[in-house]
C-alpha atoms as a PDB file:
ATOM      1  CA  MET A   1      18.034 -22.822 114.891  1.00  0.00           C
ATOM      2  CA  SER A   2      18.661 -21.149 118.010  1.00  0.00           C
ATOM      3  CA  ILE A   3      22.042 -20.917 120.524  1.00  0.00           C
ATOM      4  CA  GLY A   4      21.671 -23.508 123.113  1.00  0.00           C
ATOM      5  CA  SER A   5      21.964 -23.417 126.992  1.00  0.00           C
ATOM      6  CA  ASP A   6      25.174 -25.879 126.849  1.00  0.00           C
ATOM      7  CA  TRP A   7      27.808 -23.010 127.732  1.00  0.00           C
ATOM      8  CA  PRO A   8      29.630 -24.801 130.445  1.00  0.00           C
ATOM      9  CA  ILE A   9      30.255 -28.220 128.129  1.00  0.00           C
ATOM     10  CA  SER A  10      31.175 -25.705 125.076  1.00  0.00           C
ATOM     11  CA  GLY A  11      33.482 -24.094 127.394  1.00  0.00           C
ATOM     12  CA  ALA A  12      35.173 -27.748 128.390  1.00  0.00           C
ATOM     13  CA  TYR A  13      35.757 -27.934 124.739  1.00  0.00           C
ATOM     14  CA  LEU A  14      37.038 -25.084 124.104  1.00  0.00           C
ATOM     15  CA  LEU A  15      39.699 -25.128 126.953  1.00  0.00           C
ATOM     16  CA  SER A  16      40.659 -28.170 125.574  1.00  0.00           C
ATOM     17  CA  ALA A  17      40.790 -27.171 122.254  1.00  0.00           C
ATOM     18  CA  THR A  18      43.076 -24.044 123.463  1.00  0.00           C
ATOM     19  CA  LEU A  19      45.291 -26.562 125.115  1.00  0.00           C
ATOM     20  CA  CYS A  20      45.846 -29.035 122.350  1.00  0.00           C
ATOM     21  CA  VAL A  21      46.857 -25.613 120.586  1.00  0.00           C
ATOM     22  CA  VAL A  22      49.344 -24.990 122.709  1.00  0.00           C
ATOM     23  CA  ALA A  23      50.789 -28.120 122.608  1.00  0.00           C
ATOM     24  CA  TRP A  24      50.853 -28.220 118.892  1.00  0.00           C
ATOM     25  CA  VAL A  25      53.108 -24.844 118.761  1.00  0.00           C
ATOM     26  CA  ALA A  26      55.141 -26.305 121.551  1.00  0.00           C
ATOM     27  CA  ALA A  27      55.790 -29.703 119.319  1.00  0.00           C
ATOM     28  CA  ALA A  28      56.403 -27.603 116.215  1.00  0.00           C
ATOM     29  CA  ARG A  29      58.848 -25.238 117.843  1.00  0.00           C
ATOM     30  CA  ARG A  30      60.749 -27.930 119.624  1.00  0.00           C
ATOM     31  CA  GLU A  31      60.653 -30.737 116.871  1.00  0.00           C
ATOM     32  CA  GLU A  32      60.156 -33.008 118.726  1.00  0.00           C
ATOM     33  CA  LEU A  33      57.505 -35.048 117.484  1.00  0.00           C
ATOM     34  CA  THR A  34      57.467 -36.467 113.442  1.00  0.00           C
ATOM     35  CA  ALA A  35      55.334 -34.437 111.329  1.00  0.00           C
ATOM     36  CA  PRO A  36      52.277 -36.251 111.539  1.00  0.00           C
ATOM     37  CA  GLY A  37      52.714 -36.396 115.157  1.00  0.00           C
ATOM     38  CA  ARG A  38      53.038 -32.690 115.780  1.00  0.00           C
ATOM     39  CA  TYR A  39      49.321 -32.409 113.528  1.00  0.00           C
ATOM     40  CA  VAL A  40      47.543 -34.736 115.975  1.00  0.00           C
ATOM     41  CA  TRP A  41      47.239 -31.815 118.627  1.00  0.00           C
ATOM     42  CA  LEU A  42      46.203 -29.697 115.979  1.00  0.00           C
ATOM     43  CA  LEU A  43      43.555 -32.248 114.660  1.00  0.00           C
ATOM     44  CA  PHE A  44      42.405 -32.543 118.301  1.00  0.00           C
ATOM     45  CA  ALA A  45      41.888 -28.791 118.650  1.00  0.00           C
ATOM     46  CA  LEU A  46      40.047 -28.437 115.180  1.00  0.00           C
ATOM     47  CA  GLY A  47      38.018 -31.442 116.307  1.00  0.00           C
ATOM     48  CA  LEU A  48      37.103 -30.218 119.962  1.00  0.00           C
ATOM     49  CA  ALA A  49      36.210 -26.466 118.568  1.00  0.00           C
ATOM     50  CA  ALA A  50      33.822 -27.839 116.003  1.00  0.00           C
ATOM     51  CA  ILE A  51      31.783 -30.052 118.599  1.00  0.00           C
ATOM     52  CA  ALA A  52      31.587 -27.073 120.664  1.00  0.00           C
ATOM     53  CA  THR A  53      30.120 -25.196 117.754  1.00  0.00           C
ATOM     54  CA  LEU A  54      27.647 -28.033 117.092  1.00  0.00           C
ATOM     55  CA  GLN A  55      26.647 -28.452 120.926  1.00  0.00           C
ATOM     56  CA  LEU A  56      25.533 -24.498 120.924  1.00  0.00           C
ATOM     57  CA  PHE A  57      24.028 -24.874 118.380  1.00  0.00           C
ATOM     58  CA  ASP A  58      22.220 -28.319 119.055  1.00  0.00           C
ATOM     59  CA  VAL A  59      22.899 -30.003 115.951  1.00  0.00           C
ATOM     60  CA  GLN A  60      22.676 -33.083 117.380  1.00  0.00           C
ATOM     61  CA  GLN A  61      19.020 -32.738 118.068  1.00  0.00           C
ATOM     62  CA  LEU A  62      18.111 -31.798 114.690  1.00  0.00           C
ATOM     63  CA  VAL A  63      20.145 -34.662 113.243  1.00  0.00           C
ATOM     64  CA  ALA A  64      18.282 -37.166 115.336  1.00  0.00           C
ATOM     65  CA  ASP A  65      14.932 -35.340 114.420  1.00  0.00           C
ATOM     66  CA  LYS A  66      15.379 -35.906 110.940  1.00  0.00           C
ATOM     67  CA  GLY A  67      16.632 -39.450 111.676  1.00  0.00           C
ATOM     68  CA  ARG A  68      13.411 -39.896 113.282  1.00  0.00           C
ATOM     69  CA  GLY A  69      11.802 -38.563 110.234  1.00  0.00           C
ATOM     70  CA  ALA A  70      13.685 -40.744 107.896  1.00  0.00           C
ATOM     71  CA  ALA A  71      12.569 -43.909 110.052  1.00  0.00           C
ATOM     72  CA  ARG A  72       8.968 -43.040 110.084  1.00  0.00           C
ATOM     73  CA  SER A  73       9.102 -42.160 106.634  1.00  0.00           C
ATOM     74  CA  GLU A  74      10.690 -45.737 105.400  1.00  0.00           C
ATOM     75  CA  GLY A  75       8.825 -47.665 107.496  1.00  0.00           C
ATOM     76  CA  LEU A  76      11.982 -49.019 109.930  1.00  0.00           C
ATOM     77  CA  TYR A  77      10.861 -46.490 113.348  1.00  0.00           C
ATOM     78  CA  VAL A  78       8.370 -49.601 114.500  1.00  0.00           C
ATOM     79  CA  ILE A  79      11.745 -51.791 114.861  1.00  0.00           C
ATOM     80  CA  ARG A  80      14.447 -48.578 115.553  1.00  0.00           C
ATOM     81  CA  ARG A  81      14.727 -50.229 119.022  1.00  0.00           C
ATOM     82  CA  ASP A  82      16.596 -53.473 117.820  1.00  0.00           C
ATOM     83  CA  ILE A  83      18.753 -51.150 115.122  1.00  0.00           C
ATOM     84  CA  GLN A  84      19.833 -48.673 118.158  1.00  0.00           C
ATOM     85  CA  ALA A  85      20.709 -51.544 120.403  1.00  0.00           C
ATOM     86  CA  ALA A  86      22.705 -53.121 117.655  1.00  0.00           C
ATOM     87  CA  ILE A  87      24.234 -49.999 116.313  1.00  0.00           C
ATOM     88  CA  ILE A  88      25.347 -49.480 120.001  1.00  0.00           C
ATOM     89  CA  VAL A  89      26.620 -52.749 120.696  1.00  0.00           C
ATOM     90  CA  ILE A  90      28.848 -52.530 117.539  1.00  0.00           C
ATOM     91  CA  VAL A  91      30.042 -49.032 118.673  1.00  0.00           C
ATOM     92  CA  VAL A  92      30.784 -50.204 122.139  1.00  0.00           C
ATOM     93  CA  LEU A  93      32.863 -53.267 120.709  1.00  0.00           C
ATOM     94  CA  GLY A  94      34.488 -50.982 118.290  1.00  0.00           C
ATOM     95  CA  LEU A  95      35.345 -48.205 121.270  1.00  0.00           C
ATOM     96  CA  GLY A  96      37.237 -51.349 123.192  1.00  0.00           C
ATOM     97  CA  VAL A  97      38.947 -52.455 120.312  1.00  0.00           C
ATOM     98  CA  MET A  98      40.525 -49.418 119.699  1.00  0.00           C
ATOM     99  CA  VAL A  99      40.919 -47.922 123.164  1.00  0.00           C
ATOM    100  CA  ALA A 100      43.047 -51.388 123.751  1.00  0.00           C
ATOM    101  CA  TYR A 101      44.903 -50.838 120.675  1.00  0.00           C
ATOM    102  CA  GLY A 102      45.765 -47.378 121.705  1.00  0.00           C
ATOM    103  CA  ALA A 103      46.863 -48.914 125.384  1.00  0.00           C
ATOM    104  CA  LEU A 104      49.066 -50.988 123.738  1.00  0.00           C
ATOM    105  CA  VAL A 105      50.422 -49.584 120.319  1.00  0.00           C
ATOM    106  CA  LEU A 106      50.701 -45.662 121.800  1.00  0.00           C
ATOM    107  CA  ARG A 107      52.472 -46.241 125.047  1.00  0.00           C
ATOM    108  CA  GLY A 108      54.668 -43.319 125.399  1.00  0.00           C
ATOM    109  CA  ARG A 109      53.547 -41.139 122.495  1.00  0.00           C
ATOM    110  CA  SER A 110      52.955 -38.055 123.415  1.00  0.00           C
ATOM    111  CA  TYR A 111      49.195 -37.654 122.275  1.00  0.00           C
ATOM    112  CA  GLY A 112      48.112 -41.289 123.903  1.00  0.00           C
ATOM    113  CA  LEU A 113      46.385 -40.245 126.491  1.00  0.00           C
ATOM    114  CA  SER A 114      44.316 -37.532 124.101  1.00  0.00           C
ATOM    115  CA  LEU A 115      43.686 -40.290 121.700  1.00  0.00           C
ATOM    116  CA  VAL A 116      42.191 -42.686 123.686  1.00  0.00           C
ATOM    117  CA  ALA A 117      40.061 -39.855 125.375  1.00  0.00           C
ATOM    118  CA  ALA A 118      38.750 -38.743 122.163  1.00  0.00           C
ATOM    119  CA  VAL A 119      37.958 -41.969 120.855  1.00  0.00           C
ATOM    120  CA  LEU A 120      35.809 -42.518 123.955  1.00  0.00           C
ATOM    121  CA  LEU A 121      34.171 -38.878 123.633  1.00  0.00           C
ATOM    122  CA  GLY A 122      33.367 -40.035 119.914  1.00  0.00           C
ATOM    123  CA  GLY A 123      31.665 -43.242 121.131  1.00  0.00           C
ATOM    124  CA  PHE A 124      29.982 -41.408 123.631  1.00  0.00           C
ATOM    125  CA  LEU A 125      28.386 -38.809 121.427  1.00  0.00           C
ATOM    126  CA  THR A 126      27.705 -41.307 119.379  1.00  0.00           C
ATOM    127  CA  VAL A 127      25.582 -43.732 121.489  1.00  0.00           C
ATOM    128  CA  ARG A 128      23.545 -40.435 123.156  1.00  0.00           C
ATOM    129  CA  ALA A 129      23.117 -39.616 119.286  1.00  0.00           C
ATOM    130  CA  ILE A 130      21.436 -43.043 118.950  1.00  0.00           C
ATOM    131  CA  SER A 131      19.229 -42.149 121.866  1.00  0.00           C
ATOM    132  CA  LEU A 132      17.914 -45.759 123.322  1.00  0.00           C
ATOM    133  CA  HIS A 133      15.227 -44.736 126.248  1.00  0.00           C
ATOM    134  CA  GLN A 134      17.259 -46.934 128.690  1.00  0.00           C
ATOM    135  CA  ILE A 135      20.484 -44.950 128.044  1.00  0.00           C
ATOM    136  CA  ASP A 136      18.932 -41.752 127.926  1.00  0.00           C
ATOM    137  CA  SER A 137      17.453 -42.619 131.179  1.00  0.00           C
ATOM    138  CA  LEU A 138      20.630 -42.897 132.872  1.00  0.00           C
ATOM    139  CA  LEU A 139      22.142 -40.084 131.059  1.00  0.00           C
ATOM    140  CA  TYR A 140      19.271 -37.520 131.617  1.00  0.00           C
ATOM    141  CA  GLY A 141      17.709 -38.812 134.586  1.00  0.00           C
ATOM    142  CA  GLN A 142      20.686 -39.614 137.008  1.00  0.00           C
ATOM    143  CA  THR A 143      22.234 -36.498 138.826  1.00  0.00           C
ATOM    144  CA  VAL A 144      25.688 -35.872 140.668  1.00  0.00           C
ATOM    145  CA  ALA A 145      25.254 -32.538 142.837  1.00  0.00           C
ATOM    146  CA  GLY A 146      22.341 -31.680 140.414  1.00  0.00           C
ATOM    147  CA  VAL A 147      24.238 -32.204 137.415  1.00  0.00           C
ATOM    148  CA  ALA A 148      23.403 -34.617 134.733  1.00  0.00           C
ATOM    149  CA  TRP A 149      25.335 -37.628 134.000  1.00  0.00           C
ATOM    150  CA  ASN A 150      25.356 -36.658 130.537  1.00  0.00           C
ATOM    151  CA  ASP A 151      26.735 -33.542 131.324  1.00  0.00           C
ATOM    152  CA  LEU A 152      29.561 -34.997 133.953  1.00  0.00           C
ATOM    153  CA  LEU A 153      30.775 -37.487 131.349  1.00  0.00           C
ATOM    154  CA  GLU A 154      30.868 -35.206 128.421  1.00  0.00           C
ATOM    155  CA  SER A 155      32.824 -32.727 129.787  1.00  0.00           C
ATOM    156  CA  ALA A 156      34.808 -34.788 131.965  1.00  0.00           C
ATOM    157  CA  LEU A 157      35.789 -36.456 128.479  1.00  0.00           C
ATOM    158  CA  ALA A 158      36.596 -33.630 126.819  1.00  0.00           C
ATOM    159  CA  LEU A 159      38.642 -32.417 129.313  1.00  0.00           C
ATOM    160  CA  PHE A 160      40.571 -35.358 129.258  1.00  0.00           C
ATOM    161  CA  VAL A 161      41.747 -34.532 125.722  1.00  0.00           C
ATOM    162  CA  GLY A 162      43.007 -31.237 127.048  1.00  0.00           C
ATOM    163  CA  LEU A 163      44.748 -32.955 129.910  1.00  0.00           C
ATOM    164  CA  GLY A 164      46.376 -35.299 127.753  1.00  0.00           C
ATOM    165  CA  ALA A 165      47.759 -31.851 125.883  1.00  0.00           C
ATOM    166  CA  VAL A 166      49.360 -30.412 129.503  1.00  0.00           C
ATOM    167  CA  HIS A 167      50.724 -34.137 130.356  1.00  0.00           C
ATOM    168  CA  SER A 168      52.559 -34.045 127.581  1.00  0.00           C
ATOM    169  CA  GLN A 169      54.584 -31.356 128.413  1.00  0.00           C
ATOM    170  CA  GLY A 170      54.086 -29.691 125.270  1.00  0.00           C
ATOM    171  CA  VAL A 171      51.784 -27.275 126.600  1.00  0.00           C
ATOM    172  CA  ARG A 172      54.243 -25.660 129.650  1.00  0.00           C
ATOM    173  CA  SER A 173      57.052 -25.204 126.924  1.00  0.00           C
ATOM    174  CA  GLY A 174      54.135 -24.014 124.533  1.00  0.00           C
ATOM    175  CA  LEU A 175      53.060 -21.525 127.015  1.00  0.00           C
ATOM    176  CA  GLN A 176      56.552 -20.465 127.887  1.00  0.00           C
ATOM    177  CA  THR A 177      57.343 -20.026 124.017  1.00  0.00           C
ATOM    178  CA  LEU A 178      54.323 -17.878 123.605  1.00  0.00           C
ATOM    179  CA  LEU A 179      55.281 -15.837 126.780  1.00  0.00           C
ATOM    180  CA  GLY A 180      58.864 -15.145 125.078  1.00  0.00           C
ATOM    181  CA  ARG A 181      60.382 -17.468 127.435  1.00  0.00           C
ATOM    182  CA  THR A 182      62.815 -19.906 126.254  1.00  0.00           C
ATOM    183  CA  PRO A 183      61.491 -23.553 126.781  1.00  0.00           C
ATOM    184  CA  ARG A 184      63.880 -26.226 128.935  1.00  0.00           C
END
């Protein structure tokens, strides 16, 4: 296993993870959030850091190769397109339900934006891992200013999780706390 060339994307994950840690520290110091709400920021940070590490070591490709090998050995490779399409439909429907739930129920919660972004990121990573050729051609074949849609979408979704931490106002007071200033 070698380290891949996805440093910019991993950097987006690590930046967002750092912002989530700062929001977690700020929330813990202010004790504004309930205990479960306070730990949401820590979970975001740990999840983003884990994805950054997996990204650098190209674990998704390793898992896809293992899945492809298993499908061939089980005789499912010939019907893989139907299976892939069905899973993508289920994932997209599930994402729609989760985002709608997040928009309705989590309104006003400091971590609502980050949670919706994290759910969309998870869905994106899942759909990309399924690797249906039509989706692959869109994600990898199309570029904006020389950057593949895949990289743009993944980086943007990762950064939106971190922007949710900034939006929560936890980051500003967390940075002030870490710098030894009294937050307002």
